[in-house]
């Protein structure tokens, strides 16, 4: 970044910025006995006997130590390999194994976006950029990041406010109602999944108050760095675990819905380590990356109509668009008795795997369909694994499923309709709406971000352009160990070093 101000705005510093704010944070965390985990500890979590018996959904600061991928099925115990499912040909129709790493084992929100929230707030606290005693953390998103931010704020003893579209799932707002004390800390913006600019407009209005700190996941580089560091290593651990039973297996690709472009940052690590292609996924109804398109869709969790500032576009290999008609219908197939019967009796999917399908929310299924498309387009075989993440589980979309069934299957979802859904949306996945990126494609997508970030959000052209070079992305990674040093020093000052 060319000047200090943009660096601070985007979280790109490990320097002490404000001694007074830092002092207030030390006092607050000492009083509340809050110990902060380092990024290294989230990457390779230490044993924590003090977590035994602690409810993973409790508003307890000790749950910060569960903000990692190594929580067991009960979300309490620690496991050696992150929870995952390997999808076989009987379900996907392709020879390539699709490895899905499960995000609904994270604490408090049952989604991995709580990691992004911690990654954004913790460095600001330990560098004096955020005063938990006077300032309010503003968390803009289309759902899970906002919930993660509210949860992290609450257990880190500060005020957090969620900003999200009013049309998101009922379950998101029910959760927020339980975790916020002031109704004003849930800001509903117009529209649904695709209305990200309206979120930015609300944040710009809130930012007029200097006590409001906007932690915008779409331009907060700690989001990228947290996933590159923590999620990238977790995915590598899962792949190597799977590969032990299949020594000839190679990691061919990583598929990730772009969303805020935090999770897809893990692809940079997988590409460096294994040569995996990075596949960016979006909704066909709003094909922004694919064709500069626009529209609305219901794949909740992947906001669009813009290119996030933290998306390393020039390192992206493939762009895939998936229709929300597919994700809506497969959500019904995966979560109804008729759907289960068809999968088991007709397609030969095991009962054990069917039980795992509840771990797939809308964007999770989107990622899986993109993996199938990618395998077919690239001609991948049984020795070519594709890895992806299930951001959240189907429990976040019960109300959406009920509405969809009422609207599209008023006569009921039976064996005949289950067969039709499976045949159309799962067994007939094609390679349409897929772009194998050339240098011109990457430049076109990169340039598209100019209109959001330079013209609308005030990023300088020089700072915008700096991201075109891979040296920018490799350079900012040095912040992570520097933040860890700050966290260690902070814990020492609060007297919580022994608890860390």
Protein backbone atom coordinates (compact mmCIF):
# COMPACT_ATOMS: atom_id res chain seq x y z
CA UNK A 1 0.00 0.00 0.00
CA UNK A 2 1.35 3.40 -0.97
CA UNK A 3 0.47 5.40 2.17
CA UNK A 4 -0.14 4.77 5.84
CA UNK A 5 -3.84 5.69 5.76
CA UNK A 6 -4.99 3.00 3.30
CA UNK A 7 -2.86 0.43 5.10
CA UNK A 8 -4.60 1.23 8.37
CA UNK A 9 -8.03 1.29 6.74
CA UNK A 10 -7.46 -2.18 5.31
CA UNK A 11 -5.79 -3.64 8.41
CA UNK A 12 -2.34 -3.95 6.82
CA UNK A 13 -0.11 -3.09 9.75
CA UNK A 14 1.48 -4.75 12.74
CA UNK A 15 2.73 -1.47 14.23
CA UNK A 16 1.30 0.00 17.42
CA UNK A 17 -1.10 2.65 16.16
CA UNK A 18 -2.72 4.12 19.27
CA UNK A 19 -1.18 3.59 22.70
CA UNK A 20 -4.30 4.78 24.54
CA UNK A 21 -6.60 2.35 22.75
CA UNK A 22 -4.08 -0.41 23.32
CA UNK A 23 -3.96 0.36 27.04
CA UNK A 24 -7.74 0.31 27.29
CA UNK A 25 -7.82 -3.07 25.54
CA UNK A 26 -5.18 -4.50 27.89
CA UNK A 27 -7.20 -3.39 30.92
CA UNK A 28 -10.47 -4.75 29.51
CA UNK A 29 -9.01 -8.14 28.60
CA UNK A 30 -7.22 -8.41 31.94
CA UNK A 31 -10.47 -7.72 33.81
CA UNK A 32 -12.42 -10.23 31.70
CA UNK A 33 -9.58 -12.77 31.67
CA UNK A 34 -9.53 -13.17 27.90
CA UNK A 35 -6.59 -14.98 26.31
CA UNK A 36 -6.10 -14.59 22.56
CA UNK A 37 -4.88 -17.49 20.41
CA UNK A 38 -2.22 -16.77 17.82
CA UNK A 39 -2.71 -17.65 14.17
CA UNK A 40 -0.12 -20.40 14.67
CA UNK A 41 -2.23 -21.85 17.48
CA UNK A 42 -5.36 -21.78 15.32
CA UNK A 43 -3.42 -23.52 12.57
CA UNK A 44 -2.08 -26.24 14.87
CA UNK A 45 -4.35 -26.12 17.92
CA UNK A 46 -2.81 -27.11 21.26
CA UNK A 47 -4.60 -29.37 23.70
CA UNK A 48 -6.99 -27.36 25.91
CA UNK A 49 -8.21 -29.30 28.97
CA UNK A 50 -10.01 -26.13 30.12
CA UNK A 51 -12.48 -26.60 27.26
CA UNK A 52 -13.75 -29.92 28.59
CA UNK A 53 -17.46 -29.60 29.20
CA UNK A 54 -17.69 -26.08 27.77
CA UNK A 55 -20.67 -25.56 25.47
CA UNK A 56 -19.26 -24.64 22.03
CA UNK A 57 -22.16 -22.23 21.58
CA UNK A 58 -21.64 -20.42 24.87
CA UNK A 59 -20.71 -16.74 24.94
CA UNK A 60 -17.47 -17.66 26.67
CA UNK A 61 -14.07 -16.29 25.64
CA UNK A 62 -12.53 -19.75 25.94
CA UNK A 63 -14.39 -20.63 22.76
CA UNK A 64 -11.87 -18.46 20.92
CA UNK A 65 -9.65 -21.53 21.14
CA UNK A 66 -12.19 -23.49 19.11
CA UNK A 67 -12.05 -21.06 16.20
CA UNK A 68 -10.22 -23.63 14.10
CA UNK A 69 -10.88 -26.60 11.80
CA UNK A 70 -9.93 -29.31 14.32
CA UNK A 71 -13.16 -29.61 16.31
CA UNK A 72 -14.70 -33.07 16.50
CA UNK A 73 -18.21 -34.19 15.58
CA UNK A 74 -19.48 -32.99 18.96
CA UNK A 75 -17.78 -29.62 18.33
CA UNK A 76 -16.15 -30.00 21.77
CA UNK A 77 -13.32 -32.47 21.36
CA UNK A 78 -10.12 -31.93 19.38
CA UNK A 79 -9.32 -34.21 16.43
CA UNK A 80 -6.09 -34.82 14.52
CA UNK A 81 -7.70 -34.34 11.10
CA UNK A 82 -10.46 -31.78 10.35
CA UNK A 83 -13.93 -33.21 9.76
CA UNK A 84 -14.47 -34.05 6.12
CA UNK A 85 -16.45 -36.19 3.70
CA UNK A 86 -15.06 -37.83 0.55
CA UNK A 87 -17.81 -37.94 -2.07
CA UNK A 88 -17.75 -41.05 -4.28
CA UNK A 89 -18.76 -41.59 -7.89
CA UNK A 90 -22.14 -42.97 -6.83
CA UNK A 91 -23.12 -39.45 -5.77
CA UNK A 92 -21.06 -37.19 -8.03
CA UNK A 93 -20.96 -39.24 -11.22
CA UNK A 94 -17.22 -38.56 -11.66
CA UNK A 95 -14.23 -40.74 -10.94
CA UNK A 96 -12.33 -38.00 -9.14
CA UNK A 97 -12.84 -38.00 -5.37
CA UNK A 98 -14.35 -34.76 -4.09
CA UNK A 99 -13.10 -33.95 -0.58
CA UNK A 100 -15.45 -31.67 1.36
CA UNK A 101 -14.11 -30.15 4.59
CA UNK A 102 -16.92 -29.31 7.01
CA UNK A 103 -17.30 -25.79 8.34
CA UNK A 104 -20.24 -26.38 10.67
CA UNK A 105 -17.95 -27.70 13.42
CA UNK A 106 -16.86 -24.17 14.32
CA UNK A 107 -18.15 -22.72 17.60
CA UNK A 108 -21.02 -20.32 18.15
CA UNK A 109 -22.23 -19.91 14.56
CA UNK A 110 -21.65 -23.40 13.08
CA UNK A 111 -19.83 -21.83 10.12
CA UNK A 112 -16.19 -21.13 9.36
CA UNK A 113 -16.75 -17.39 8.90
CA UNK A 114 -16.14 -16.97 12.63
CA UNK A 115 -12.47 -17.56 11.77
CA UNK A 116 -12.50 -14.63 9.35
CA UNK A 117 -14.07 -12.42 12.00
CA UNK A 118 -11.42 -13.28 14.57
CA UNK A 119 -8.67 -12.79 11.99
CA UNK A 120 -9.95 -9.28 11.30
CA UNK A 121 -10.56 -8.08 14.86
CA UNK A 122 -7.71 -9.59 16.87
CA UNK A 123 -4.88 -7.81 14.98
CA UNK A 124 -6.67 -4.49 15.34
CA UNK A 125 -6.98 -4.93 19.09
CA UNK A 126 -3.35 -5.90 19.67
CA UNK A 127 -2.09 -2.98 17.54
CA UNK A 128 -4.29 -0.37 19.22
CA UNK A 129 -6.49 0.15 16.17
CA UNK A 130 -9.66 -0.77 18.05
CA UNK A 131 -10.72 0.29 21.52
CA UNK A 132 -13.13 -2.32 22.92
CA UNK A 133 -14.23 0.07 25.68
CA UNK A 134 -15.51 2.84 23.39
CA UNK A 135 -15.75 1.66 19.81
CA UNK A 136 -18.25 -0.51 17.97
CA UNK A 137 -17.21 -3.19 15.45
CA UNK A 138 -19.37 -3.12 12.31
CA UNK A 139 -19.60 -6.44 10.47
CA UNK A 140 -21.00 -6.20 6.90
CA UNK A 141 -21.88 -9.43 5.09
CA UNK A 142 -24.67 -11.52 3.64
CA UNK A 143 -24.95 -13.53 6.83
CA UNK A 144 -22.32 -15.79 8.33
CA UNK A 145 -19.49 -13.28 8.65
CA UNK A 146 -21.85 -10.84 10.33
CA UNK A 147 -22.90 -13.53 12.78
CA UNK A 148 -19.27 -14.48 13.33
CA UNK A 149 -18.38 -10.85 13.98
CA UNK A 150 -21.17 -10.45 16.53
CA UNK A 151 -20.05 -13.63 18.29
CA UNK A 152 -16.37 -12.65 18.34
CA UNK A 153 -17.22 -9.14 19.52
CA UNK A 154 -19.34 -10.40 22.37
CA UNK A 155 -16.82 -12.90 23.73
CA UNK A 156 -14.01 -10.36 23.27
CA UNK A 157 -15.95 -7.90 25.44
CA UNK A 158 -16.85 -5.27 22.89
CA UNK A 159 -19.93 -4.19 20.95
CA UNK A 160 -20.57 -5.66 17.52
CA UNK A 161 -23.15 -4.75 14.89
CA UNK A 162 -24.27 -6.94 11.99
CA UNK A 163 -25.11 -5.35 8.64
CA UNK A 164 -26.84 -7.75 6.23
CA UNK A 165 -29.64 -7.86 3.63
CA UNK A 166 -33.15 -8.12 4.98
CA UNK A 167 -33.94 -11.00 2.62
CA UNK A 168 -31.49 -13.49 4.15
CA UNK A 169 -32.68 -16.68 5.86
CA UNK A 170 -34.85 -16.46 8.95
CA UNK A 171 -32.36 -18.59 10.89
CA UNK A 172 -29.66 -15.92 10.54
CA UNK A 173 -31.86 -13.26 12.11
CA UNK A 174 -33.09 -15.60 14.87
CA UNK A 175 -29.48 -16.25 15.82
CA UNK A 176 -28.65 -12.53 15.80
CA UNK A 177 -31.64 -11.78 18.02
CA UNK A 178 -30.19 -14.12 20.65
CA UNK A 179 -26.64 -12.77 20.48
CA UNK A 180 -27.24 -9.01 20.34
CA UNK A 181 -28.52 -6.99 23.29
CA UNK A 182 -29.58 -3.92 21.30
CA UNK A 183 -31.94 -4.26 18.30
CA UNK A 184 -29.94 -1.44 16.67
CA UNK A 185 -27.04 -3.87 16.39
CA UNK A 186 -28.81 -5.68 13.55
CA UNK A 187 -28.92 -3.40 10.50
CA UNK A 188 -31.09 -4.77 7.69
CA UNK A 189 -30.24 -3.44 4.25
CA UNK A 190 -32.45 -3.64 1.14
CA UNK A 191 -32.41 -6.75 -1.03
CA UNK A 192 -30.95 -10.22 -0.79
CA UNK A 193 -27.75 -12.06 -1.59
CA UNK A 194 -26.68 -9.91 -4.54
CA UNK A 195 -27.21 -6.51 -2.93
CA UNK A 196 -23.72 -5.93 -1.60
CA UNK A 197 -23.47 -2.27 -2.60
CA UNK A 198 -26.43 -1.53 -0.34
CA UNK A 199 -24.40 -3.04 2.52
CA UNK A 200 -21.49 -0.77 1.66
CA UNK A 201 -23.79 2.26 1.59
CA UNK A 202 -25.06 1.46 5.08
CA UNK A 203 -21.48 1.02 6.33
CA UNK A 204 -20.38 4.31 4.80
CA UNK A 205 -23.20 6.02 6.68
CA UNK A 206 -22.21 4.31 9.94
CA UNK A 207 -18.56 5.23 9.37
CA UNK A 208 -19.40 8.92 9.78
CA UNK A 209 -19.30 8.19 13.51
CA UNK A 210 -15.60 7.75 14.38
CA UNK A 211 -16.56 5.29 17.12
CA UNK A 212 -17.79 2.85 14.49
CA UNK A 213 -15.02 0.72 12.98
CA UNK A 214 -15.99 -1.00 9.74
CA UNK A 215 -14.48 -4.47 9.45
CA UNK A 216 -15.40 -5.03 5.82
CA UNK A 217 -14.59 -8.63 4.93
CA UNK A 218 -14.50 -7.76 1.23
CA UNK A 219 -11.50 -5.46 1.64
CA UNK A 220 -10.05 -6.50 5.02
CA UNK A 221 -6.86 -8.33 4.07
CA UNK A 222 -6.74 -10.16 7.40
CA UNK A 223 -9.68 -12.17 6.02
CA UNK A 224 -7.46 -13.38 3.18
CA UNK A 225 -4.45 -13.90 5.46
CA UNK A 226 -6.43 -15.85 8.06
CA UNK A 227 -7.72 -18.27 5.47
CA UNK A 228 -4.40 -18.53 3.63
CA UNK A 229 -2.71 -19.42 6.91
CA UNK A 230 -5.28 -21.41 8.88
CA UNK A 231 -7.72 -22.79 6.32
CA UNK A 232 -5.00 -23.51 3.75
CA UNK A 233 -3.06 -25.62 6.23
CA UNK A 234 -6.21 -27.43 7.41
CA UNK A 235 -7.16 -28.36 3.85
CA UNK A 236 -3.63 -29.60 3.24
CA UNK A 237 -3.88 -31.76 6.37
CA UNK A 238 -7.11 -33.31 5.12
CA UNK A 239 -5.75 -33.96 1.64
CA UNK A 240 -2.61 -35.64 2.96
CA UNK A 241 -4.74 -37.78 5.28
CA UNK A 242 -6.89 -38.95 2.35
CA UNK A 243 -3.82 -39.48 0.16
CA UNK A 244 -2.26 -41.92 2.65
CA UNK A 245 -4.76 -44.52 1.50
CA UNK A 246 -4.27 -43.53 -2.15
CA UNK A 247 -0.54 -42.81 -2.70
CA UNK A 248 -0.96 -41.88 -6.37
CA UNK A 249 -3.54 -39.20 -5.54
CA UNK A 250 -2.71 -35.62 -6.50
CA UNK A 251 -4.58 -32.47 -5.55
CA UNK A 252 -5.84 -31.20 -8.88
CA UNK A 253 -8.10 -28.33 -7.86
CA UNK A 254 -9.68 -26.32 -5.06
CA UNK A 255 -13.19 -24.94 -5.64
CA UNK A 256 -14.55 -22.06 -3.60
CA UNK A 257 -17.46 -19.70 -4.01
CA UNK A 258 -15.90 -16.26 -4.14
CA UNK A 259 -18.11 -14.55 -1.56
CA UNK A 260 -15.80 -12.13 0.20
CA UNK A 261 -12.78 -13.93 -1.36
CA UNK A 262 -11.46 -14.89 2.05
CA UNK A 263 -11.83 -18.67 1.80
CA UNK A 264 -10.54 -18.78 -1.75
CA UNK A 265 -7.31 -17.32 -0.37
CA UNK A 266 -6.57 -20.81 0.96
CA UNK A 267 -6.18 -21.80 -2.67
CA UNK A 268 -2.99 -19.76 -2.91
CA UNK A 269 -1.38 -22.06 -0.35
CA UNK A 270 -2.72 -25.21 -2.03
CA UNK A 271 -1.45 -24.02 -5.39
CA UNK A 272 2.00 -23.30 -3.98
CA UNK A 273 2.21 -26.63 -2.18
CA UNK A 274 0.51 -28.99 -4.64
CA UNK A 275 0.03 -27.13 -7.91
CA UNK A 276 -3.75 -27.26 -7.46
CA UNK A 277 -5.85 -25.09 -9.76
CA UNK A 278 -7.89 -22.39 -8.03
CA UNK A 279 -11.53 -22.43 -9.14
CA UNK A 280 -13.68 -19.39 -8.32
CA UNK A 281 -17.40 -20.15 -8.13
CA UNK A 282 -20.37 -17.83 -8.44
CA UNK A 283 -24.10 -17.95 -9.10
CA UNK A 284 -25.18 -18.35 -12.71
CA UNK A 285 -27.99 -15.89 -12.04
CA UNK A 286 -25.36 -13.24 -11.29
CA UNK A 287 -22.28 -14.14 -13.40
CA UNK A 288 -20.07 -11.20 -12.48
CA UNK A 289 -16.69 -12.88 -12.93
CA UNK A 290 -17.82 -15.04 -15.82
CA UNK A 291 -19.29 -12.33 -18.02
CA UNK A 292 -19.53 -9.01 -16.14
CA UNK A 293 -23.10 -10.04 -15.43
CA UNK A 294 -25.59 -9.05 -12.75
CA UNK A 295 -28.81 -10.36 -11.23
CA UNK A 296 -30.22 -11.96 -8.10
CA UNK A 297 -29.93 -15.46 -6.68
CA UNK A 298 -30.43 -17.54 -3.54
CA UNK A 299 -27.04 -19.19 -2.97
CA UNK A 300 -26.77 -17.48 0.38
CA UNK A 301 -23.24 -16.74 1.50
CA UNK A 302 -21.71 -15.66 -1.81
CA UNK A 303 -22.42 -11.94 -2.21
CA UNK A 304 -21.63 -10.62 -5.65
CA UNK A 305 -22.07 -7.97 -8.38
CA UNK A 306 -18.51 -6.89 -7.60
CA UNK A 307 -14.98 -8.25 -7.28
CA UNK A 308 -13.71 -8.21 -3.67
CA UNK A 309 -10.55 -6.21 -3.10
CA UNK A 310 -8.95 -9.18 -1.33
CA UNK A 311 -9.52 -11.59 -4.24
CA UNK A 312 -6.16 -12.55 -5.75
CA UNK A 313 -7.69 -12.55 -9.21
CA UNK A 314 -4.41 -12.89 -11.07
CA UNK A 315 -3.83 -16.27 -9.42
CA UNK A 316 -7.28 -17.67 -10.29
CA UNK A 317 -7.33 -20.44 -12.90
CA UNK A 318 -10.97 -21.27 -13.56
CA UNK A 319 -14.33 -19.54 -13.08
CA UNK A 320 -17.50 -21.63 -12.76
CA UNK A 321 -21.11 -20.50 -12.48
CA UNK A 322 -23.72 -22.69 -10.73
CA UNK A 323 -27.47 -22.05 -10.78
CA UNK A 324 -29.41 -21.50 -7.59
CA UNK A 325 -32.08 -23.76 -9.08
CA UNK A 326 -29.59 -26.58 -8.65
CA UNK A 327 -28.64 -25.70 -5.08
CA UNK A 328 -32.25 -25.10 -4.00
CA UNK A 329 -33.40 -28.42 -5.47
CA UNK A 330 -30.47 -30.44 -4.17
CA UNK A 331 -31.05 -28.99 -0.70
CA UNK A 332 -34.49 -30.61 -0.86
CA UNK A 333 -33.08 -33.86 -2.25
CA UNK A 334 -30.43 -34.04 0.47
CA UNK A 335 -32.81 -33.27 3.34
CA UNK A 336 -36.05 -35.16 2.72
CA UNK A 337 -37.09 -38.78 3.15
CA UNK A 338 -37.99 -39.14 -0.54
CA UNK A 339 -34.65 -37.71 -1.52
CA UNK A 340 -32.79 -40.05 0.79
CA UNK A 341 -34.67 -43.06 -0.52
CA UNK A 342 -33.79 -42.19 -4.12
CA UNK A 343 -30.13 -41.65 -3.28
CA UNK A 344 -29.95 -44.96 -1.43
CA UNK A 345 -32.15 -47.27 -3.49
CA UNK A 346 -31.62 -45.91 -7.01
CA UNK A 347 -28.21 -44.26 -6.99
CA UNK A 348 -26.53 -46.62 -4.54
CA UNK A 349 -25.35 -43.94 -2.13
CA UNK A 350 -24.49 -45.41 1.26
CA UNK A 351 -26.59 -44.67 4.30
CA UNK A 352 -23.51 -43.36 6.10
CA UNK A 353 -22.92 -40.78 3.36
CA UNK A 354 -26.58 -39.76 3.25
CA UNK A 355 -26.34 -38.93 6.96
CA UNK A 356 -23.48 -36.54 6.14
CA UNK A 357 -25.47 -34.55 3.58
CA UNK A 358 -27.02 -32.44 6.31
CA UNK A 359 -23.63 -30.74 6.64
CA UNK A 360 -24.08 -29.06 3.25
CA UNK A 361 -25.73 -25.64 3.07
CA UNK A 362 -26.48 -23.79 -0.18
CA UNK A 363 -22.96 -22.54 -0.90
CA UNK A 364 -21.54 -25.93 0.13
CA UNK A 365 -23.56 -27.68 -2.56
CA UNK A 366 -22.56 -24.94 -4.97
CA UNK A 367 -18.89 -25.72 -4.28
CA UNK A 368 -19.51 -29.44 -4.85
CA UNK A 369 -21.29 -28.88 -8.17
CA UNK A 370 -18.40 -26.67 -9.26
CA UNK A 371 -16.00 -29.50 -8.42
CA UNK A 372 -18.00 -31.87 -10.63
CA UNK A 373 -18.01 -29.35 -13.49
CA UNK A 374 -14.29 -28.79 -13.11
CA UNK A 375 -13.48 -32.51 -13.15
CA UNK A 376 -15.48 -32.99 -16.33
CA UNK A 377 -14.07 -29.93 -18.07
CA UNK A 378 -10.46 -30.73 -17.22
CA UNK A 379 -10.77 -34.46 -17.87
CA UNK A 380 -9.77 -35.44 -14.35
CA UNK A 381 -9.62 -39.09 -13.33
CA UNK A 382 -9.53 -41.27 -10.21
CA UNK A 383 -6.05 -40.06 -9.21
CA UNK A 384 -7.11 -36.40 -9.31
CA UNK A 385 -8.70 -35.13 -6.11
CA UNK A 386 -10.68 -31.91 -5.82
CA UNK A 387 -11.03 -30.30 -2.41
CA UNK A 388 -13.61 -27.78 -1.26
CA UNK A 389 -15.35 -26.53 1.87
CA UNK A 390 -18.86 -26.77 3.24
CA UNK A 391 -19.19 -23.29 4.68
CA UNK A 392 -22.22 -24.13 6.79
CA UNK A 393 -24.83 -26.85 7.14
CA UNK A 394 -28.42 -27.30 6.01
CA UNK A 395 -29.71 -26.34 9.46
CA UNK A 396 -29.25 -22.69 8.43
CA UNK A 397 -31.80 -23.08 5.63
CA UNK A 398 -34.77 -24.94 7.10
CA UNK A 399 -37.08 -21.98 6.51
CA UNK A 400 -35.80 -21.53 2.96
CA UNK A 401 -36.45 -25.22 2.26
CA UNK A 402 -39.97 -24.96 3.59
CA UNK A 403 -40.68 -21.96 1.35
CA UNK A 404 -39.17 -23.69 -1.67
CA UNK A 405 -41.21 -26.86 -1.14
CA UNK A 406 -44.40 -24.85 -0.73
CA UNK A 407 -43.72 -22.80 -3.86
CA UNK A 408 -42.40 -25.48 -6.23
CA UNK A 409 -43.73 -28.78 -4.86
CA UNK A 410 -47.15 -27.96 -3.41
CA UNK A 411 -48.29 -31.54 -4.04
CA UNK A 412 -45.35 -32.92 -2.08
CA UNK A 413 -41.83 -34.09 -2.83
CA UNK A 414 -42.13 -37.80 -3.68
CA UNK A 415 -40.14 -40.54 -5.40
CA UNK A 416 -40.94 -39.22 -8.89
CA UNK A 417 -39.90 -35.65 -8.16
CA UNK A 418 -36.79 -36.86 -6.31
CA UNK A 419 -35.76 -38.80 -9.40
CA UNK A 420 -36.31 -35.75 -11.57
CA UNK A 421 -34.21 -33.51 -9.31
CA UNK A 422 -31.37 -36.02 -9.08
CA UNK A 423 -31.37 -36.60 -12.82
CA UNK A 424 -31.43 -32.95 -13.79
CA UNK A 425 -29.25 -31.30 -11.16
CA UNK A 426 -26.85 -34.01 -10.02
CA UNK A 427 -26.49 -36.74 -12.62
CA UNK A 428 -26.52 -34.41 -15.65
CA UNK A 429 -24.02 -31.78 -14.54
CA UNK A 430 -22.46 -30.28 -17.67
CA UNK A 431 -19.44 -28.10 -18.40
CA UNK A 432 -21.40 -25.05 -19.52
CA UNK A 433 -20.72 -21.71 -17.85
CA UNK A 434 -17.07 -22.53 -17.13
CA UNK A 435 -14.11 -20.35 -18.05
CA UNK A 436 -10.55 -21.70 -18.15
CA UNK A 437 -8.86 -18.35 -17.57
CA UNK A 438 -6.33 -16.82 -19.92
CA UNK A 439 -4.20 -13.82 -19.00
CA UNK A 440 -6.77 -11.62 -20.75
CA UNK A 441 -9.59 -13.16 -18.69
CA UNK A 442 -7.75 -12.47 -15.44
CA UNK A 443 -7.04 -8.90 -16.45
CA UNK A 444 -10.67 -8.34 -17.42
CA UNK A 445 -11.90 -9.62 -14.05
CA UNK A 446 -9.24 -7.66 -12.17
CA UNK A 447 -10.14 -4.45 -14.00
CA UNK A 448 -13.82 -4.93 -13.18
CA UNK A 449 -12.99 -4.32 -9.53
CA UNK A 450 -11.90 -0.75 -10.33
CA UNK A 451 -15.46 0.52 -10.40
CA UNK A 452 -16.27 -0.67 -6.89
CA UNK A 453 -13.01 0.08 -5.12
CA UNK A 454 -11.57 3.16 -6.80
CA UNK A 455 -14.66 4.97 -8.05
CA UNK A 456 -17.07 4.07 -5.24
CA UNK A 457 -15.04 3.18 -2.15
CA UNK A 458 -12.10 5.59 -2.43
CA UNK A 459 -9.16 3.20 -2.79
CA UNK A 460 -6.32 4.92 -4.64
CA UNK A 461 -5.54 3.69 -8.12
CA UNK A 462 -1.96 2.88 -7.08
CA UNK A 463 -3.13 0.74 -4.16
CA UNK A 464 -5.67 -0.96 -6.37
CA UNK A 465 -3.06 -1.74 -9.03
CA UNK A 466 -0.51 -3.03 -6.49
CA UNK A 467 -2.62 -6.17 -6.09
CA UNK A 468 -2.00 -7.17 -9.70
CA UNK A 469 1.49 -8.48 -8.82
CA UNK A 470 1.92 -11.71 -6.88
CA UNK A 471 4.70 -10.03 -4.90
CA UNK A 472 1.99 -7.99 -3.17
CA UNK A 473 0.26 -11.12 -1.90
CA UNK A 474 3.43 -12.87 -0.82
CA UNK A 475 4.64 -9.68 0.82
CA UNK A 476 1.65 -9.14 3.09
CA UNK A 477 1.95 -12.66 4.49
CA UNK A 478 4.77 -11.46 6.74
CA UNK A 479 2.08 -9.70 8.77
CA UNK A 480 0.84 -12.99 10.22
CA UNK A 481 3.93 -13.85 12.32
CA UNK A 482 4.19 -10.18 13.27
CA UNK A 483 0.58 -10.25 14.50
CA UNK A 484 1.37 -13.42 16.43
CA UNK A 485 4.22 -11.60 18.19
CA UNK A 486 1.79 -8.82 19.07
CA UNK A 487 -0.76 -11.32 20.41
CA UNK A 488 1.88 -13.00 22.58
CA UNK A 489 2.96 -9.62 23.97
CA UNK A 490 -0.68 -8.62 24.53
CA UNK A 491 -1.42 -11.82 26.47
CA UNK A 492 1.66 -11.18 28.58
CA UNK A 493 0.46 -7.67 29.42
CA UNK A 494 -3.03 -8.86 30.35
CA UNK A 495 -1.57 -11.55 32.58
CA UNK A 496 -3.15 -14.24 30.41
CA UNK A 497 0.05 -15.64 28.91
CA UNK A 498 -0.27 -18.72 31.11
CA UNK A 499 -3.75 -19.37 29.75
CA UNK A 500 -2.60 -19.09 26.12
